[in-house]
C-alpha atoms as a PDB file:
ATOM      1  CA  UNK A   1      -5.772 -18.796   5.795  1.00  0.00           C
ATOM      2  CA  UNK A   2      -3.291 -21.512   4.241  1.00  0.00           C
ATOM      3  CA  UNK A   3      -4.387 -23.594   1.545  1.00  0.00           C
ATOM      4  CA  UNK A   4      -3.712 -27.041   1.843  1.00  0.00           C
ATOM      5  CA  UNK A   5      -0.326 -28.070   0.053  1.00  0.00           C
ATOM      6  CA  UNK A   6      -0.347 -29.355  -3.116  1.00  0.00           C
ATOM      7  CA  UNK A   7       2.238 -30.912  -5.648  1.00  0.00           C
ATOM      8  CA  UNK A   8       3.547 -28.156  -8.320  1.00  0.00           C
ATOM      9  CA  UNK A   9       4.150 -29.058 -11.537  1.00  0.00           C
ATOM     10  CA  UNK A  10       7.410 -29.541 -12.917  1.00  0.00           C
ATOM     11  CA  UNK A  11       7.120 -25.996 -14.936  1.00  0.00           C
ATOM     12  CA  UNK A  12       5.739 -24.286 -11.838  1.00  0.00           C
ATOM     13  CA  UNK A  13       9.251 -25.232  -9.971  1.00  0.00           C
ATOM     14  CA  UNK A  14      11.457 -22.573 -10.318  1.00  0.00           C
ATOM     15  CA  UNK A  15      14.431 -20.747  -8.307  1.00  0.00           C
ATOM     16  CA  UNK A  16      14.657 -16.942  -8.830  1.00  0.00           C
ATOM     17  CA  UNK A  17      17.065 -14.866  -6.764  1.00  0.00           C
ATOM     18  CA  UNK A  18      15.860 -11.661  -5.331  1.00  0.00           C
ATOM     19  CA  UNK A  19      18.907  -9.015  -3.299  1.00  0.00           C
ATOM     20  CA  UNK A  20      17.096  -8.048  -0.106  1.00  0.00           C
ATOM     21  CA  UNK A  21      18.567  -6.006   2.791  1.00  0.00           C
ATOM     22  CA  UNK A  22      18.871  -7.969   5.738  1.00  0.00           C
ATOM     23  CA  UNK A  23      16.644  -5.993   7.755  1.00  0.00           C
ATOM     24  CA  UNK A  24      14.005  -6.568   4.844  1.00  0.00           C
ATOM     25  CA  UNK A  25      14.800 -10.448   5.089  1.00  0.00           C
ATOM     26  CA  UNK A  26      14.287 -10.002   8.932  1.00  0.00           C
ATOM     27  CA  UNK A  27      10.713  -8.700   8.736  1.00  0.00           C
ATOM     28  CA  UNK A  28       9.689 -10.678   5.901  1.00  0.00           C
ATOM     29  CA  UNK A  29      11.084 -13.856   8.580  1.00  0.00           C
ATOM     30  CA  UNK A  30       8.831 -12.430  11.265  1.00  0.00           C
ATOM     31  CA  UNK A  31       5.761 -12.443   9.161  1.00  0.00           C
ATOM     32  CA  UNK A  32       5.833 -15.794   8.373  1.00  0.00           C
ATOM     33  CA  UNK A  33       3.279 -18.464  10.154  1.00  0.00           C
ATOM     34  CA  UNK A  34       4.646 -21.804  11.405  1.00  0.00           C
ATOM     35  CA  UNK A  35       5.343 -23.880   8.506  1.00  0.00           C
ATOM     36  CA  UNK A  36       4.478 -20.779   6.094  1.00  0.00           C
ATOM     37  CA  UNK A  37       6.931 -21.072   3.100  1.00  0.00           C
ATOM     38  CA  UNK A  38       8.620 -17.649   1.587  1.00  0.00           C
ATOM     39  CA  UNK A  39       6.142 -18.411  -1.718  1.00  0.00           C
ATOM     40  CA  UNK A  40       3.115 -18.421   0.579  1.00  0.00           C
ATOM     41  CA  UNK A  41       3.741 -15.442   2.572  1.00  0.00           C
ATOM     42  CA  UNK A  42       4.672 -13.505  -1.007  1.00  0.00           C
ATOM     43  CA  UNK A  43       1.301 -14.790  -2.459  1.00  0.00           C
ATOM     44  CA  UNK A  44      -0.300 -13.844   0.462  1.00  0.00           C
ATOM     45  CA  UNK A  45       1.153 -10.012   0.654  1.00  0.00           C
ATOM     46  CA  UNK A  46       0.824  -9.388  -3.100  1.00  0.00           C
ATOM     47  CA  UNK A  47      -3.109 -10.746  -2.471  1.00  0.00           C
ATOM     48  CA  UNK A  48      -3.488  -8.301   0.008  1.00  0.00           C
ATOM     49  CA  UNK A  49      -1.543  -5.574  -1.550  1.00  0.00           C
ATOM     50  CA  UNK A  50      -4.208  -6.081  -4.899  1.00  0.00           C
ATOM     51  CA  UNK A  51      -7.568  -6.085  -2.848  1.00  0.00           C
ATOM     52  CA  UNK A  52      -6.547  -3.007  -1.387  1.00  0.00           C
ATOM     53  CA  UNK A  53      -5.928  -0.934  -4.571  1.00  0.00           C
ATOM     54  CA  UNK A  54      -8.948  -2.823  -5.922  1.00  0.00           C
ATOM     55  CA  UNK A  55     -10.951  -1.174  -3.167  1.00  0.00           C
ATOM     56  CA  UNK A  56      -9.418   1.913  -3.382  1.00  0.00           C
ATOM     57  CA  UNK A  57      -9.873   1.910  -7.188  1.00  0.00           C
ATOM     58  CA  UNK A  58     -13.783   1.429  -6.256  1.00  0.00           C
ATOM     59  CA  UNK A  59     -13.562   4.056  -4.015  1.00  0.00           C
ATOM     60  CA  UNK A  60     -11.772   6.479  -6.319  1.00  0.00           C
ATOM     61  CA  UNK A  61     -14.443   5.568  -8.836  1.00  0.00           C
ATOM     62  CA  UNK A  62     -17.492   6.252  -6.481  1.00  0.00           C
ATOM     63  CA  UNK A  63     -16.291   9.471  -5.979  1.00  0.00           C
ATOM     64  CA  UNK A  64     -16.341  10.645  -9.160  1.00  0.00           C
ATOM     65  CA  UNK A  65     -19.765  11.786 -11.380  1.00  0.00           C
ATOM     66  CA  UNK A  66     -20.600   8.933 -13.388  1.00  0.00           C
ATOM     67  CA  UNK A  67     -19.816   9.719 -17.103  1.00  0.00           C
ATOM     68  CA  UNK A  68     -21.531   7.997 -19.749  1.00  0.00           C
ATOM     69  CA  UNK A  69     -20.023   4.615 -21.600  1.00  0.00           C
ATOM     70  CA  UNK A  70     -19.532   6.208 -24.875  1.00  0.00           C
ATOM     71  CA  UNK A  71     -16.958   9.134 -23.028  1.00  0.00           C
ATOM     72  CA  UNK A  72     -15.794   6.448 -21.177  1.00  0.00           C
ATOM     73  CA  UNK A  73     -14.833   3.901 -23.931  1.00  0.00           C
ATOM     74  CA  UNK A  74     -13.536   6.899 -25.986  1.00  0.00           C
ATOM     75  CA  UNK A  75     -11.256   8.023 -23.231  1.00  0.00           C
ATOM     76  CA  UNK A  76     -10.140   4.552 -22.613  1.00  0.00           C
ATOM     77  CA  UNK A  77      -9.052   4.162 -26.257  1.00  0.00           C
ATOM     78  CA  UNK A  78     -11.657   1.120 -26.575  1.00  0.00           C
END
């Protein structure tokens, strides 16, 4: 879902160069929807990846036996 365009604040505007192969550029270009910026596309891809990783982590956690909070906190160094 594309969000309504908003005017970015001056400190949010940045130009970064990322070296990618022509085939990668073409693949990214093919994923863009009409009117979608590369920034929009990358944000969408990042969000999808983060969601997928969260689902995998939750699936892994659900499959593991539960442990008491005190033991978990100790493992995490909390």
